[in-house]
Amino acid sequence: MNWWQLPLVGFDLETTGTDPAVDRIVTAALVDTVGARRVGVAGWLLDPGVPIPAEAEAIHGIGDDVARRKGRPAKEAVDEIAGALCERLAAGRPVVGFNAPFDLSLLDAELRRHGLATLAERLGRPVGPVLDALVIDRAVDKYRKGSRTLQRVCEVYGVELTDAHEAGSDALAAVRVAVALAERYRAEVGDVAPADLHERQVHWYREWAEGLQSWLRRGKDPQAVVDPRWPLR
């Protein structure tokens, strides 16, 4: 069987903002699947230790009061999230996300903030294999017009997104989009071993980042820099 018919784990974070270097985790989810079929979910609600901006609360629905009353201490929960993720990676299970450099880099930044071992240190090797539904979609259907939000990409591939910006729902949707991509694009995606597909995504992401940077520099921002590193910054 191919990877998209085997055990996978979807990973998603909801956070205090959009900068993985400085923002904090509010909720996290790991969704275990066999192919597109969900078989288990692990979820966390954290007290991030900093105020949750109103803009972030408007997206994921978690405010300061809920986080402080019901959230786990950040250091304890971040350690647990990283341990659970690395346990699955060490067992050979690919981690599936949507815009993986955001979620993985933010988790790694949280680990360093709390003086904990990073993902690579826990694994004893680089983090992978990672399957990023956004990166794959941009590579195999690069000229499609319109946005590439998770909601829009789910519509393109006929995937139901039951509760956008709820970590468990987003993580499961990312897996199902990745499976749909594998089924539709067998030669480029579905028939490729996860480790090889991981390496293809490194190239695809760099190519996309360099193209976006060139476009931005020709327009409003001559000094624009788009980080080409994937899946971690």
Protein backbone atom coordinates (compact mmCIF):
# COMPACT_ATOMS: atom_id res chain seq x y z
CA MET A 1 0.00 0.00 0.00
CA ASN A 2 1.01 3.61 -0.49
CA TRP A 3 1.55 6.13 2.32
CA TRP A 4 -1.91 7.66 1.94
CA GLN A 5 -3.52 4.32 2.82
CA LEU A 6 -1.39 3.81 5.95
CA PRO A 7 -1.20 5.44 9.44
CA LEU A 8 -0.67 9.20 9.41
CA VAL A 9 -0.87 11.95 12.02
CA GLY A 10 -2.39 15.35 11.39
CA PHE A 11 -0.91 18.25 13.37
CA ASP A 12 -2.27 21.75 13.93
CA LEU A 13 -1.87 24.66 16.35
CA GLU A 14 -4.04 27.65 17.14
CA THR A 15 -1.96 30.48 18.52
CA THR A 16 -1.72 34.04 19.83
CA GLY A 17 -0.60 35.36 16.44
CA THR A 18 1.15 34.73 13.14
CA ASP A 19 4.85 35.04 14.00
CA PRO A 20 6.25 31.60 14.85
CA ALA A 21 9.31 33.13 16.50
CA VAL A 22 7.42 35.06 19.17
CA ASP A 23 3.79 33.89 19.35
CA ARG A 24 2.49 31.18 21.69
CA ILE A 25 0.38 28.05 21.47
CA VAL A 26 -3.23 28.29 22.66
CA THR A 27 -4.56 24.93 21.41
CA ALA A 28 -2.93 21.95 19.71
CA ALA A 29 -4.14 18.70 18.20
CA LEU A 30 -2.69 15.47 16.90
CA VAL A 31 -5.18 13.42 14.88
CA ASP A 32 -4.23 9.80 14.22
CA THR A 33 -5.62 8.38 11.00
CA VAL A 34 -5.37 5.39 8.72
CA GLY A 35 -5.45 7.09 5.36
CA ALA A 36 -8.30 9.59 5.59
CA ARG A 37 -10.08 7.71 8.39
CA ARG A 38 -9.72 9.22 11.84
CA VAL A 39 -8.88 6.70 14.57
CA GLY A 40 -7.86 8.95 17.47
CA VAL A 41 -7.40 12.54 18.62
CA ALA A 42 -5.16 14.12 21.26
CA GLY A 43 -5.90 17.74 22.08
CA TRP A 44 -4.44 20.39 24.38
CA LEU A 45 -5.64 23.76 25.71
CA LEU A 46 -2.83 25.92 27.07
CA ASP A 47 -2.49 29.00 29.20
CA PRO A 48 0.06 30.72 26.93
CA GLY A 49 1.31 32.97 29.72
CA VAL A 50 0.70 36.12 27.67
CA PRO A 51 -2.48 37.97 26.69
CA ILE A 52 -4.35 36.53 23.72
CA PRO A 53 -4.99 39.38 21.26
CA ALA A 54 -8.59 40.07 20.30
CA GLU A 55 -7.77 39.32 16.65
CA ALA A 56 -6.55 35.84 17.57
CA GLU A 57 -9.53 35.18 19.85
CA ALA A 58 -11.85 36.16 16.99
CA ILE A 59 -10.29 33.42 14.86
CA HIS A 60 -10.11 30.45 17.24
CA GLY A 61 -12.56 31.50 19.95
CA ILE A 62 -10.22 31.13 22.95
CA GLY A 63 -9.76 34.21 25.14
CA ASP A 64 -7.70 34.99 28.21
CA ASP A 65 -10.38 33.93 30.70
CA VAL A 66 -10.84 30.46 29.23
CA ALA A 67 -7.10 29.93 28.74
CA ARG A 68 -6.28 30.91 32.33
CA ARG A 69 -9.11 28.92 33.93
CA LYS A 70 -8.90 25.76 31.83
CA GLY A 71 -5.53 25.80 30.10
CA ARG A 72 -2.56 23.66 31.03
CA PRO A 73 0.71 25.36 32.07
CA ALA A 74 2.54 26.12 28.84
CA LYS A 75 5.85 24.39 29.64
CA GLU A 76 4.15 21.18 30.72
CA ALA A 77 1.83 21.05 27.71
CA VAL A 78 4.47 22.01 25.13
CA ASP A 79 6.70 19.20 26.40
CA GLU A 80 3.80 16.76 26.11
CA ILE A 81 2.84 17.90 22.60
CA ALA A 82 6.42 17.57 21.36
CA GLY A 83 6.78 14.16 22.99
CA ALA A 84 3.60 12.87 21.39
CA LEU A 85 4.56 14.19 17.96
CA CYS A 86 8.08 12.76 18.12
CA GLU A 87 6.78 9.40 19.33
CA ARG A 88 4.76 9.13 16.13
CA LEU A 89 7.59 10.31 13.90
CA ALA A 90 10.02 7.89 15.55
CA ALA A 91 7.57 5.08 14.77
CA GLY A 92 7.75 6.05 11.09
CA ARG A 93 4.40 7.78 10.86
CA PRO A 94 4.44 10.86 8.58
CA VAL A 95 3.15 14.08 10.12
CA VAL A 96 0.68 15.94 7.93
CA GLY A 97 -0.01 19.66 8.18
CA PHE A 98 -1.12 22.70 6.25
CA ASN A 99 1.66 25.30 6.13
CA ALA A 100 3.94 23.14 8.26
CA PRO A 101 6.73 25.72 8.73
CA PHE A 102 4.38 27.79 10.86
CA ASP A 103 3.23 25.05 13.23
CA LEU A 104 6.50 23.15 13.52
CA SER A 105 8.64 26.29 13.87
CA LEU A 106 6.34 27.73 16.51
CA LEU A 107 6.40 24.49 18.50
CA ASP A 108 10.20 24.42 18.28
CA ALA A 109 10.37 28.06 19.42
CA GLU A 110 8.16 27.22 22.40
CA LEU A 111 10.45 24.32 23.32
CA ARG A 112 13.50 26.58 23.25
CA ARG A 113 11.66 29.26 25.23
CA HIS A 114 11.01 26.81 28.03
CA GLY A 115 14.48 25.26 27.97
CA LEU A 116 13.22 21.96 26.56
CA ALA A 117 14.76 19.69 23.92
CA THR A 118 13.82 20.64 20.37
CA LEU A 119 12.06 18.27 18.00
CA ALA A 120 15.30 17.34 16.20
CA GLU A 121 17.08 16.80 19.52
CA ARG A 122 14.34 14.45 20.67
CA LEU A 123 14.43 12.51 17.42
CA GLY A 124 18.20 12.52 17.07
CA ARG A 125 17.77 13.50 13.41
CA PRO A 126 16.05 16.11 11.24
CA VAL A 127 12.27 16.33 11.59
CA GLY A 128 10.45 14.23 9.01
CA PRO A 129 8.84 12.89 7.02
CA VAL A 130 6.49 15.87 6.84
CA LEU A 131 3.68 16.10 4.29
CA ASP A 132 2.43 19.64 3.82
CA ALA A 133 -0.87 19.78 1.97
CA LEU A 134 -0.40 23.48 1.14
CA VAL A 135 3.06 23.00 -0.36
CA ILE A 136 1.95 19.97 -2.36
CA ASP A 137 -1.18 21.71 -3.67
CA ARG A 138 0.81 24.77 -4.78
CA ALA A 139 3.30 22.54 -6.60
CA VAL A 140 0.91 20.26 -8.47
CA ASP A 141 -1.70 22.91 -9.35
CA LYS A 142 0.42 26.05 -9.35
CA TYR A 143 -1.65 28.04 -11.85
CA ARG A 144 -5.02 27.66 -10.14
CA LYS A 145 -6.52 31.05 -9.39
CA GLY A 146 -7.89 32.06 -6.00
CA SER A 147 -6.77 31.78 -2.42
CA ARG A 148 -5.00 28.81 -0.85
CA THR A 149 -6.56 28.93 2.60
CA LEU A 150 -7.39 25.59 4.17
CA GLN A 151 -11.09 26.32 3.72
CA ARG A 152 -10.67 27.03 0.01
CA VAL A 153 -8.38 24.06 -0.63
CA CYS A 154 -10.88 21.79 1.14
CA GLU A 155 -13.54 23.01 -1.28
CA VAL A 156 -11.29 22.25 -4.27
CA TYR A 157 -10.70 18.66 -3.14
CA GLY A 158 -14.14 17.92 -1.76
CA VAL A 159 -13.02 17.71 1.88
CA GLU A 160 -15.44 18.65 4.64
CA LEU A 161 -14.03 21.15 7.15
CA THR A 162 -16.46 20.92 10.03
CA ASP A 163 -15.07 23.62 12.34
CA ALA A 164 -12.44 25.89 10.79
CA HIS A 165 -9.72 27.08 13.19
CA GLU A 166 -10.44 24.32 15.69
CA ALA A 167 -7.10 22.49 15.85
CA GLY A 168 -8.48 18.96 15.64
CA SER A 169 -10.78 19.80 12.74
CA ASP A 170 -8.00 21.58 10.83
CA ALA A 171 -5.54 18.74 11.43
CA LEU A 172 -7.98 16.13 10.12
CA ALA A 173 -8.80 18.29 7.11
CA ALA A 174 -5.10 18.61 6.28
CA VAL A 175 -4.77 14.82 6.26
CA ARG A 176 -7.82 14.41 4.06
CA VAL A 177 -6.58 17.04 1.61
CA ALA A 178 -3.21 15.28 1.46
CA VAL A 179 -4.93 11.96 0.74
CA ALA A 180 -7.08 13.60 -1.96
CA LEU A 181 -3.93 15.07 -3.54
CA ALA A 182 -2.29 11.64 -3.50
CA GLU A 183 -5.29 10.05 -5.18
CA ARG A 184 -5.52 12.76 -7.85
CA TYR A 185 -1.78 13.17 -8.54
CA ARG A 186 -0.46 9.64 -8.26
CA ALA A 187 2.83 10.09 -10.14
CA GLU A 188 3.88 13.31 -8.38
CA VAL A 189 2.48 12.53 -4.93
CA GLY A 190 0.61 9.29 -4.32
CA ASP A 191 3.18 6.81 -5.58
CA VAL A 192 6.15 8.58 -3.98
CA ALA A 193 7.64 7.31 -0.70
CA PRO A 194 7.16 9.78 2.20
CA ALA A 195 10.90 10.43 2.59
CA ASP A 196 11.22 11.22 -1.11
CA LEU A 197 8.10 13.36 -1.06
CA HIS A 198 9.54 15.24 1.90
CA GLU A 199 12.63 16.08 -0.16
CA ARG A 200 10.49 17.16 -3.12
CA GLN A 201 8.66 19.57 -0.85
CA VAL A 202 11.94 21.13 0.30
CA HIS A 203 12.58 22.01 -3.36
CA TRP A 204 8.98 23.02 -4.09
CA TYR A 205 8.84 25.35 -1.10
CA ARG A 206 12.18 26.97 -1.93
CA GLU A 207 11.07 27.52 -5.51
CA TRP A 208 7.79 29.09 -4.35
CA ALA A 209 9.55 31.32 -1.78
CA GLU A 210 12.09 32.57 -4.30
CA GLY A 211 9.34 33.32 -6.82
CA LEU A 212 7.27 35.21 -4.25
CA GLN A 213 10.31 37.16 -3.08
CA SER A 214 11.15 38.20 -6.66
CA TRP A 215 7.55 39.27 -7.27
CA LEU A 216 7.46 41.34 -4.06
CA ARG A 217 10.79 43.01 -4.87
CA ARG A 218 9.52 44.03 -8.29
CA GLY A 219 6.53 45.68 -6.63
CA LYS A 220 5.99 47.51 -3.39
CA ASP A 221 8.85 46.08 -1.31
CA PRO A 222 12.33 46.07 -2.92
CA GLN A 223 13.80 44.68 0.34
CA ALA A 224 11.33 41.80 0.77
CA VAL A 225 12.70 38.54 2.13
CA VAL A 226 10.73 35.28 2.03
CA ASP A 227 12.29 32.54 4.13
CA PRO A 228 12.83 29.49 1.86
CA ARG A 229 13.33 26.95 4.65
CA TRP A 230 10.89 24.05 5.00
CA PRO A 231 9.60 22.32 7.10
CA LEU A 232 11.30 24.18 9.95
CA ARG A 233 12.77 27.65 10.27
